[in-house]
Amino acid sequence: MDKKEMAELIDIDGLSSDIEVVTYLNSDDDKRQYVVYTKGEVQEETGNQVIYIAKIIPDGNNFRLEEITDDVEWIDVQHLLKAIANTQPKES
């Protein structure tokens, strides 16, 4: 079983919470990096786990997560996610 990658998320109010990193995404030009993560929340209606996606911004020795607010950037991120979802392991 793979070990889960955990990280500490500190919000703008200074409150800390543990998150589980699901995966990282790099833009096609490798100029932007994103993180897909979960806080362990489950949607009541579907029972699916809630995931979040944020842009990673270097900030000194730490990293800051920034909400994706640009529609064009969000479309790019959706394409990156679809590429992962459509990757099938090769049959031998």
PDB file of N, CA and C in Angstrom:
ATOM      1  N   MET A   1       0.844  -1.170   0.000  1.00  0.00           N
ATOM      2  CA  MET A   1       0.000   0.000   0.000  1.00  0.00           C
ATOM      3  C   MET A   1       0.895   1.241   0.000  1.00  0.00           C
ATOM      4  N   ASP A   2       0.530   2.247  -0.843  1.00  0.00           N
ATOM      5  CA  ASP A   2       1.301   3.478  -0.911  1.00  0.00           C
ATOM      6  C   ASP A   2       1.097   4.320   0.340  1.00  0.00           C
ATOM      7  N   LYS A   3       2.181   4.960   0.771  1.00  0.00           N
ATOM      8  CA  LYS A   3       2.101   5.844   1.918  1.00  0.00           C
ATOM      9  C   LYS A   3       1.479   7.171   1.467  1.00  0.00           C
ATOM     10  N   LYS A   4       0.556   7.681   2.248  1.00  0.00           N
ATOM     11  CA  LYS A   4      -0.099   8.941   1.920  1.00  0.00           C
ATOM     12  C   LYS A   4       0.853  10.100   2.179  1.00  0.00           C
ATOM     13  N   GLU A   5       0.856  11.069   1.261  1.00  0.00           N
ATOM     14  CA  GLU A   5       1.651  12.280   1.478  1.00  0.00           C
ATOM     15  C   GLU A   5       0.772  13.297   2.183  1.00  0.00           C
ATOM     16  N   MET A   6       1.175  13.664   3.366  1.00  0.00           N
ATOM     17  CA  MET A   6       0.425  14.628   4.164  1.00  0.00           C
ATOM     18  C   MET A   6       1.182  15.950   4.185  1.00  0.00           C
ATOM     19  N   ALA A   7       0.437  17.034   4.360  1.00  0.00           N
ATOM     20  CA  ALA A   7       1.039  18.362   4.456  1.00  0.00           C
ATOM     21  C   ALA A   7       0.222  19.183   5.437  1.00  0.00           C
ATOM     22  N   GLU A   8       0.832  20.223   5.930  1.00  0.00           N
ATOM     23  CA  GLU A   8       0.134  21.135   6.842  1.00  0.00           C
ATOM     24  C   GLU A   8      -0.300  22.352   6.043  1.00  0.00           C
ATOM     25  N   LEU A   9      -1.566  22.702   6.153  1.00  0.00           N
ATOM     26  CA  LEU A   9      -2.124  23.869   5.479  1.00  0.00           C
ATOM     27  C   LEU A   9      -2.468  24.903   6.536  1.00  0.00           C
ATOM     28  N   ILE A  10      -1.923  26.096   6.397  1.00  0.00           N
ATOM     29  CA  ILE A  10      -2.213  27.182   7.334  1.00  0.00           C
ATOM     30  C   ILE A  10      -3.000  28.231   6.571  1.00  0.00           C
ATOM     31  N   ASP A  11      -4.228  28.497   7.021  1.00  0.00           N
ATOM     32  CA  ASP A  11      -5.073  29.454   6.305  1.00  0.00           C
ATOM     33  C   ASP A  11      -4.706  30.891   6.659  1.00  0.00           C
ATOM     34  N   ILE A  12      -5.395  31.849   6.048  1.00  0.00           N
ATOM     35  CA  ILE A  12      -5.042  33.260   6.242  1.00  0.00           C
ATOM     36  C   ILE A  12      -5.262  33.741   7.672  1.00  0.00           C
ATOM     37  N   ASP A  13      -6.046  32.993   8.447  1.00  0.00           N
ATOM     38  CA  ASP A  13      -6.262  33.334   9.851  1.00  0.00           C
ATOM     39  C   ASP A  13      -5.245  32.662  10.767  1.00  0.00           C
ATOM     40  N   GLY A  14      -4.315  31.898  10.168  1.00  0.00           N
ATOM     41  CA  GLY A  14      -3.290  31.220  10.949  1.00  0.00           C
ATOM     42  C   GLY A  14      -3.707  29.872  11.498  1.00  0.00           C
ATOM     43  N   LEU A  15      -4.905  29.394  11.115  1.00  0.00           N
ATOM     44  CA  LEU A  15      -5.375  28.098  11.583  1.00  0.00           C
ATOM     45  C   LEU A  15      -4.752  26.994  10.743  1.00  0.00           C
ATOM     46  N   SER A  16      -4.296  25.949  11.398  1.00  0.00           N
ATOM     47  CA  SER A  16      -3.591  24.853  10.748  1.00  0.00           C
ATOM     48  C   SER A  16      -4.504  23.642  10.594  1.00  0.00           C
ATOM     49  N   SER A  17      -4.385  22.963   9.445  1.00  0.00           N
ATOM     50  CA  SER A  17      -5.095  21.700   9.250  1.00  0.00           C
ATOM     51  C   SER A  17      -4.217  20.781   8.414  1.00  0.00           C
ATOM     52  N   ASP A  18      -4.402  19.480   8.616  1.00  0.00           N
ATOM     53  CA  ASP A  18      -3.656  18.497   7.843  1.00  0.00           C
ATOM     54  C   ASP A  18      -4.435  18.176   6.576  1.00  0.00           C
ATOM     55  N   ILE A  19      -3.711  18.093   5.462  1.00  0.00           N
ATOM     56  CA  ILE A  19      -4.325  17.727   4.197  1.00  0.00           C
ATOM     57  C   ILE A  19      -3.578  16.531   3.617  1.00  0.00           C
ATOM     58  N   GLU A  20      -4.270  15.781   2.777  1.00  0.00           N
ATOM     59  CA  GLU A  20      -3.636  14.687   2.049  1.00  0.00           C
ATOM     60  C   GLU A  20      -3.450  15.117   0.602  1.00  0.00           C
ATOM     61  N   VAL A  21      -2.213  15.064   0.132  1.00  0.00           N
ATOM     62  CA  VAL A  21      -1.913  15.406  -1.254  1.00  0.00           C
ATOM     63  C   VAL A  21      -2.330  14.233  -2.127  1.00  0.00           C
ATOM     64  N   VAL A  22      -3.189  14.496  -3.108  1.00  0.00           N
ATOM     65  CA  VAL A  22      -3.629  13.463  -4.037  1.00  0.00           C
ATOM     66  C   VAL A  22      -2.635  13.363  -5.191  1.00  0.00           C
ATOM     67  N   THR A  23      -2.302  14.516  -5.786  1.00  0.00           N
ATOM     68  CA  THR A  23      -1.331  14.549  -6.875  1.00  0.00           C
ATOM     69  C   THR A  23      -0.904  15.985  -7.138  1.00  0.00           C
ATOM     70  N   TYR A  24       0.155  16.109  -7.910  1.00  0.00           N
ATOM     71  CA  TYR A  24       0.608  17.414  -8.382  1.00  0.00           C
ATOM     72  C   TYR A  24       0.399  17.468  -9.887  1.00  0.00           C
ATOM     73  N   LEU A  25       0.135  18.647 -10.396  1.00  0.00           N
ATOM     74  CA  LEU A  25      -0.019  18.863 -11.832  1.00  0.00           C
ATOM     75  C   LEU A  25       0.942  19.954 -12.261  1.00  0.00           C
ATOM     76  N   ASN A  26       1.557  19.783 -13.423  1.00  0.00           N
ATOM     77  CA  ASN A  26       2.409  20.824 -14.009  1.00  0.00           C
ATOM     78  C   ASN A  26       1.763  21.298 -15.297  1.00  0.00           C
ATOM     79  N   SER A  27       1.759  22.610 -15.508  1.00  0.00           N
ATOM     80  CA  SER A  27       1.221  23.147 -16.753  1.00  0.00           C
ATOM     81  C   SER A  27       2.050  22.621 -17.921  1.00  0.00           C
ATOM     82  N   ASP A  28       1.466  22.649 -19.108  1.00  0.00           N
ATOM     83  CA  ASP A  28       2.156  22.137 -20.290  1.00  0.00           C
ATOM     84  C   ASP A  28       3.483  22.841 -20.537  1.00  0.00           C
ATOM     85  N   ASP A  29       3.571  24.121 -20.148  1.00  0.00           N
ATOM     86  CA  ASP A  29       4.823  24.873 -20.349  1.00  0.00           C
ATOM     87  C   ASP A  29       5.736  24.802 -19.121  1.00  0.00           C
ATOM     88  N   ASP A  30       5.345  24.026 -18.108  1.00  0.00           N
ATOM     89  CA  ASP A  30       6.106  23.846 -16.859  1.00  0.00           C
ATOM     90  C   ASP A  30       6.352  25.148 -16.092  1.00  0.00           C
ATOM     91  N   LYS A  31       5.531  26.157 -16.331  1.00  0.00           N
ATOM     92  CA  LYS A  31       5.694  27.432 -15.618  1.00  0.00           C
ATOM     93  C   LYS A  31       4.792  27.529 -14.385  1.00  0.00           C
ATOM     94  N   ARG A  32       3.796  26.657 -14.299  1.00  0.00           N
ATOM     95  CA  ARG A  32       2.875  26.679 -13.159  1.00  0.00           C
ATOM     96  C   ARG A  32       2.722  25.262 -12.617  1.00  0.00           C
ATOM     97  N   GLN A  33       2.590  25.190 -11.290  1.00  0.00           N
ATOM     98  CA  GLN A  33       2.371  23.898 -10.646  1.00  0.00           C
ATOM     99  C   GLN A  33       1.125  24.001  -9.772  1.00  0.00           C
ATOM    100  N   TYR A  34       0.396  22.903  -9.724  1.00  0.00           N
ATOM    101  CA  TYR A  34      -0.845  22.845  -8.960  1.00  0.00           C
ATOM    102  C   TYR A  34      -0.802  21.636  -8.034  1.00  0.00           C
ATOM    103  N   VAL A  35      -1.604  21.691  -6.992  1.00  0.00           N
ATOM    104  CA  VAL A  35      -1.741  20.554  -6.087  1.00  0.00           C
ATOM    105  C   VAL A  35      -3.222  20.196  -6.005  1.00  0.00           C
ATOM    106  N   VAL A  36      -3.488  18.897  -6.053  1.00  0.00           N
ATOM    107  CA  VAL A  36      -4.826  18.367  -5.832  1.00  0.00           C
ATOM    108  C   VAL A  36      -4.772  17.734  -4.454  1.00  0.00           C
ATOM    109  N   TYR A  37      -5.675  18.148  -3.568  1.00  0.00           N
ATOM    110  CA  TYR A  37      -5.612  17.649  -2.193  1.00  0.00           C
ATOM    111  C   TYR A  37      -7.007  17.464  -1.610  1.00  0.00           C
ATOM    112  N   THR A  38      -7.049  16.774  -0.486  1.00  0.00           N
ATOM    113  CA  THR A  38      -8.302  16.553   0.218  1.00  0.00           C
ATOM    114  C   THR A  38      -8.102  16.822   1.709  1.00  0.00           C
ATOM    115  N   LYS A  39      -9.185  17.193   2.345  1.00  0.00           N
ATOM    116  CA  LYS A  39      -9.182  17.402   3.795  1.00  0.00           C
ATOM    117  C   LYS A  39      -9.916  16.268   4.503  1.00  0.00           C
ATOM    118  N   GLY A  40     -10.248  15.212   3.743  1.00  0.00           N
ATOM    119  CA  GLY A  40     -10.954  14.061   4.322  1.00  0.00           C
ATOM    120  C   GLY A  40     -12.455  14.262   4.409  1.00  0.00           C
ATOM    121  N   GLU A  41     -12.977  15.302   3.753  1.00  0.00           N
ATOM    122  CA  GLU A  41     -14.414  15.573   3.783  1.00  0.00           C
ATOM    123  C   GLU A  41     -15.131  14.695   2.753  1.00  0.00           C
ATOM    124  N   VAL A  42     -16.362  14.315   3.066  1.00  0.00           N
ATOM    125  CA  VAL A  42     -17.170  13.508   2.160  1.00  0.00           C
ATOM    126  C   VAL A  42     -18.479  14.243   1.891  1.00  0.00           C
ATOM    127  N   GLN A  43     -18.878  14.292   0.609  1.00  0.00           N
ATOM    128  CA  GLN A  43     -20.154  14.908   0.253  1.00  0.00           C
ATOM    129  C   GLN A  43     -21.284  14.003   0.720  1.00  0.00           C
ATOM    130  N   GLU A  44     -22.233  14.581   1.431  1.00  0.00           N
ATOM    131  CA  GLU A  44     -23.349  13.787   1.963  1.00  0.00           C
ATOM    132  C   GLU A  44     -24.179  13.161   0.854  1.00  0.00           C
ATOM    133  N   GLU A  45     -24.457  13.947  -0.204  1.00  0.00           N
ATOM    134  CA  GLU A  45     -25.357  13.479  -1.258  1.00  0.00           C
ATOM    135  C   GLU A  45     -24.791  12.293  -2.023  1.00  0.00           C
ATOM    136  N   THR A  46     -23.503  12.320  -2.310  1.00  0.00           N
ATOM    137  CA  THR A  46     -22.906  11.306  -3.186  1.00  0.00           C
ATOM    138  C   THR A  46     -22.006  10.323  -2.459  1.00  0.00           C
ATOM    139  N   GLY A  47     -21.500  10.707  -1.301  1.00  0.00           N
ATOM    140  CA  GLY A  47     -20.542   9.874  -0.595  1.00  0.00           C
ATOM    141  C   GLY A  47     -19.132   9.986  -1.159  1.00  0.00           C
ATOM    142  N   ASN A  48     -18.950  10.874  -2.158  1.00  0.00           N
ATOM    143  CA  ASN A  48     -17.636  11.083  -2.755  1.00  0.00           C
ATOM    144  C   ASN A  48     -16.785  11.997  -1.884  1.00  0.00           C
ATOM    145  N   GLN A  49     -15.490  11.774  -1.940  1.00  0.00           N
ATOM    146  CA  GLN A  49     -14.566  12.614  -1.191  1.00  0.00           C
ATOM    147  C   GLN A  49     -14.429  13.971  -1.895  1.00  0.00           C
ATOM    148  N   VAL A  50     -14.403  15.042  -1.122  1.00  0.00           N
ATOM    149  CA  VAL A  50     -14.241  16.393  -1.658  1.00  0.00           C
ATOM    150  C   VAL A  50     -12.765  16.624  -1.943  1.00  0.00           C
ATOM    151  N   ILE A  51     -12.460  17.105  -3.163  1.00  0.00           N
ATOM    152  CA  ILE A  51     -11.080  17.437  -3.489  1.00  0.00           C
ATOM    153  C   ILE A  51     -10.977  18.921  -3.807  1.00  0.00           C
ATOM    154  N   TYR A  52      -9.789  19.445  -3.608  1.00  0.00           N
ATOM    155  CA  TYR A  52      -9.497  20.845  -3.874  1.00  0.00           C
ATOM    156  C   TYR A  52      -8.309  20.904  -4.826  1.00  0.00           C
ATOM    157  N   ILE A  53      -8.269  21.958  -5.627  1.00  0.00           N
ATOM    158  CA  ILE A  53      -7.142  22.182  -6.533  1.00  0.00           C
ATOM    159  C   ILE A  53      -6.706  23.627  -6.348  1.00  0.00           C
ATOM    160  N   ALA A  54      -5.404  23.834  -6.180  1.00  0.00           N
ATOM    161  CA  ALA A  54      -4.885  25.183  -5.989  1.00  0.00           C
ATOM    162  C   ALA A  54      -3.553  25.327  -6.706  1.00  0.00           C
ATOM    163  N   LYS A  55      -3.248  26.566  -7.090  1.00  0.00           N
ATOM    164  CA  LYS A  55      -1.962  26.868  -7.700  1.00  0.00           C
ATOM    165  C   LYS A  55      -0.931  27.005  -6.593  1.00  0.00           C
ATOM    166  N   ILE A  56       0.264  26.448  -6.813  1.00  0.00           N
ATOM    167  CA  ILE A  56       1.354  26.523  -5.839  1.00  0.00           C
ATOM    168  C   ILE A  56       2.225  27.728  -6.180  1.00  0.00           C
ATOM    169  N   ILE A  57       2.413  28.614  -5.195  1.00  0.00           N
ATOM    170  CA  ILE A  57       3.223  29.814  -5.370  1.00  0.00           C
ATOM    171  C   ILE A  57       4.402  29.739  -4.399  1.00  0.00           C
ATOM    172  N   PRO A  58       5.658  29.717  -4.911  1.00  0.00           N
ATOM    173  CA  PRO A  58       6.815  29.745  -4.004  1.00  0.00           C
ATOM    174  C   PRO A  58       6.802  31.039  -3.181  1.00  0.00           C
ATOM    175  N   ASP A  59       7.095  30.915  -1.898  1.00  0.00           N
ATOM    176  CA  ASP A  59       7.065  32.067  -0.988  1.00  0.00           C
ATOM    177  C   ASP A  59       8.212  31.907   0.009  1.00  0.00           C
ATOM    178  N   GLY A  60       9.412  32.306  -0.398  1.00  0.00           N
ATOM    179  CA  GLY A  60      10.584  32.119   0.465  1.00  0.00           C
ATOM    180  C   GLY A  60      10.888  30.646   0.601  1.00  0.00           C
ATOM    181  N   ASN A  61      10.977  30.157   1.841  1.00  0.00           N
ATOM    182  CA  ASN A  61      11.237  28.741   2.101  1.00  0.00           C
ATOM    183  C   ASN A  61       9.956  27.912   2.153  1.00  0.00           C
ATOM    184  N   ASN A  62       8.810  28.557   1.972  1.00  0.00           N
ATOM    185  CA  ASN A  62       7.520  27.881   2.032  1.00  0.00           C
ATOM    186  C   ASN A  62       6.804  28.011   0.698  1.00  0.00           C
ATOM    187  N   PHE A  63       5.598  27.500   0.662  1.00  0.00           N
ATOM    188  CA  PHE A  63       4.754  27.618  -0.513  1.00  0.00           C
ATOM    189  C   PHE A  63       3.400  28.149  -0.079  1.00  0.00           C
ATOM    190  N   ARG A  64       2.803  28.919  -0.954  1.00  0.00           N
ATOM    191  CA  ARG A  64       1.478  29.466  -0.730  1.00  0.00           C
ATOM    192  C   ARG A  64       0.546  28.822  -1.747  1.00  0.00           C
ATOM    193  N   LEU A  65      -0.677  28.524  -1.350  1.00  0.00           N
ATOM    194  CA  LEU A  65      -1.671  28.014  -2.284  1.00  0.00           C
ATOM    195  C   LEU A  65      -2.593  29.157  -2.667  1.00  0.00           C
ATOM    196  N   GLU A  66      -2.845  29.261  -3.963  1.00  0.00           N
ATOM    197  CA  GLU A  66      -3.666  30.351  -4.472  1.00  0.00           C
ATOM    198  C   GLU A  66      -4.837  29.765  -5.248  1.00  0.00           C
ATOM    199  N   GLU A  67      -6.010  30.316  -5.024  1.00  0.00           N
ATOM    200  CA  GLU A  67      -7.208  29.885  -5.735  1.00  0.00           C
ATOM    201  C   GLU A  67      -7.066  30.191  -7.225  1.00  0.00           C
ATOM    202  N   ILE A  68      -7.580  29.319  -8.051  1.00  0.00           N
ATOM    203  CA  ILE A  68      -7.563  29.531  -9.496  1.00  0.00           C
ATOM    204  C   ILE A  68      -8.817  30.332  -9.844  1.00  0.00           C
ATOM    205  N   THR A  69      -8.633  31.588 -10.235  1.00  0.00           N
ATOM    206  CA  THR A  69      -9.771  32.452 -10.510  1.00  0.00           C
ATOM    207  C   THR A  69      -9.918  32.794 -11.989  1.00  0.00           C
ATOM    208  N   ASP A  70      -8.857  32.559 -12.758  1.00  0.00           N
ATOM    209  CA  ASP A  70      -8.884  32.868 -14.183  1.00  0.00           C
ATOM    210  C   ASP A  70      -9.552  31.720 -14.950  1.00  0.00           C
ATOM    211  N   ASP A  71     -10.576  32.029 -15.742  1.00  0.00           N
ATOM    212  CA  ASP A  71     -11.322  30.996 -16.463  1.00  0.00           C
ATOM    213  C   ASP A  71     -10.443  30.209 -17.437  1.00  0.00           C
ATOM    214  N   VAL A  72      -9.544  30.892 -18.138  1.00  0.00           N
ATOM    215  CA  VAL A  72      -8.674  30.219 -19.100  1.00  0.00           C
ATOM    216  C   VAL A  72      -7.721  29.275 -18.369  1.00  0.00           C
ATOM    217  N   GLU A  73      -7.170  29.729 -17.243  1.00  0.00           N
ATOM    218  CA  GLU A  73      -6.281  28.873 -16.459  1.00  0.00           C
ATOM    219  C   GLU A  73      -7.040  27.653 -15.930  1.00  0.00           C
ATOM    220  N   TRP A  74      -8.286  27.864 -15.485  1.00  0.00           N
ATOM    221  CA  TRP A  74      -9.085  26.761 -14.962  1.00  0.00           C
ATOM    222  C   TRP A  74      -9.341  25.717 -16.056  1.00  0.00           C
ATOM    223  N   ILE A  75      -9.595  26.159 -17.273  1.00  0.00           N
ATOM    224  CA  ILE A  75      -9.791  25.236 -18.395  1.00  0.00           C
ATOM    225  C   ILE A  75      -8.513  24.432 -18.633  1.00  0.00           C
ATOM    226  N   ASP A  76      -7.358  25.098 -18.562  1.00  0.00           N
ATOM    227  CA  ASP A  76      -6.076  24.399 -18.704  1.00  0.00           C
ATOM    228  C   ASP A  76      -5.917  23.316 -17.639  1.00  0.00           C
ATOM    229  N   VAL A  77      -6.270  23.632 -16.393  1.00  0.00           N
ATOM    230  CA  VAL A  77      -6.165  22.667 -15.301  1.00  0.00           C
ATOM    231  C   VAL A  77      -7.119  21.493 -15.532  1.00  0.00           C
ATOM    232  N   GLN A  78      -8.307  21.774 -16.023  1.00  0.00           N
ATOM    233  CA  GLN A  78      -9.256  20.697 -16.322  1.00  0.00           C
ATOM    234  C   GLN A  78      -8.690  19.759 -17.381  1.00  0.00           C
ATOM    235  N   HIS A  79      -8.004  20.303 -18.379  1.00  0.00           N
ATOM    236  CA  HIS A  79      -7.372  19.469 -19.407  1.00  0.00           C
ATOM    237  C   HIS A  79      -6.278  18.589 -18.795  1.00  0.00           C
ATOM    238  N   LEU A  80      -5.511  19.137 -17.857  1.00  0.00           N
ATOM    239  CA  LEU A  80      -4.482  18.346 -17.175  1.00  0.00           C
ATOM    240  C   LEU A  80      -5.114  17.189 -16.399  1.00  0.00           C
ATOM    241  N   LEU A  81      -6.230  17.463 -15.728  1.00  0.00           N
ATOM    242  CA  LEU A  81      -6.930  16.419 -14.976  1.00  0.00           C
ATOM    243  C   LEU A  81      -7.491  15.348 -15.903  1.00  0.00           C
ATOM    244  N   LYS A  82      -8.061  15.773 -17.032  1.00  0.00           N
ATOM    245  CA  LYS A  82      -8.608  14.809 -17.985  1.00  0.00           C
ATOM    246  C   LYS A  82      -7.510  13.921 -18.552  1.00  0.00           C
ATOM    247  N   ALA A  83      -6.332  14.489 -18.772  1.00  0.00           N
ATOM    248  CA  ALA A  83      -5.208  13.694 -19.290  1.00  0.00           C
ATOM    249  C   ALA A  83      -4.842  12.593 -18.307  1.00  0.00           C
ATOM    250  N   ILE A  84      -4.881  12.899 -17.004  1.00  0.00           N
ATOM    251  CA  ILE A  84      -4.584  11.890 -15.985  1.00  0.00           C
ATOM    252  C   ILE A  84      -5.705  10.838 -15.967  1.00  0.00           C
ATOM    253  N   ALA A  85      -6.944  11.294 -16.012  1.00  0.00           N
ATOM    254  CA  ALA A  85      -8.079  10.383 -15.939  1.00  0.00           C
ATOM    255  C   ALA A  85      -8.140   9.441 -17.144  1.00  0.00           C
ATOM    256  N   ASN A  86      -7.668   9.914 -18.298  1.00  0.00           N
ATOM    257  CA  ASN A  86      -7.737   9.110 -19.517  1.00  0.00           C
ATOM    258  C   ASN A  86      -6.517   8.238 -19.748  1.00  0.00           C
ATOM    259  N   THR A  87      -5.534   8.328 -18.849  1.00  0.00           N
ATOM    260  CA  THR A  87      -4.346   7.497 -18.980  1.00  0.00           C
ATOM    261  C   THR A  87      -4.670   6.088 -18.505  1.00  0.00           C
ATOM    262  N   GLN A  88      -4.556   5.152 -19.386  1.00  0.00           N
ATOM    263  CA  GLN A  88      -4.837   3.756 -19.057  1.00  0.00           C
ATOM    264  C   GLN A  88      -3.518   2.998 -18.968  1.00  0.00           C
ATOM    265  N   PRO A  89      -3.363   2.116 -17.993  1.00  0.00           N
ATOM    266  CA  PRO A  89      -2.158   1.300 -17.963  1.00  0.00           C
ATOM    267  C   PRO A  89      -2.122   0.397 -19.197  1.00  0.00           C
ATOM    268  N   LYS A  90      -0.932   0.240 -19.745  1.00  0.00           N
ATOM    269  CA  LYS A  90      -0.784  -0.605 -20.929  1.00  0.00           C
ATOM    270  C   LYS A  90      -0.910  -2.065 -20.532  1.00  0.00           C
ATOM    271  N   GLU A  91      -1.655  -2.802 -21.375  1.00  0.00           N
ATOM    272  CA  GLU A  91      -1.811  -4.233 -21.121  1.00  0.00           C
ATOM    273  C   GLU A  91      -0.602  -4.967 -21.671  1.00  0.00           C
ATOM    274  N   SER A  92      -0.157  -5.993 -20.963  1.00  0.00           N
ATOM    275  CA  SER A  92       1.002  -6.752 -21.439  1.00  0.00           C
ATOM    276  C   SER A  92       0.586  -7.974 -22.207  1.00  0.00           C
TER     277      SER A  92
END
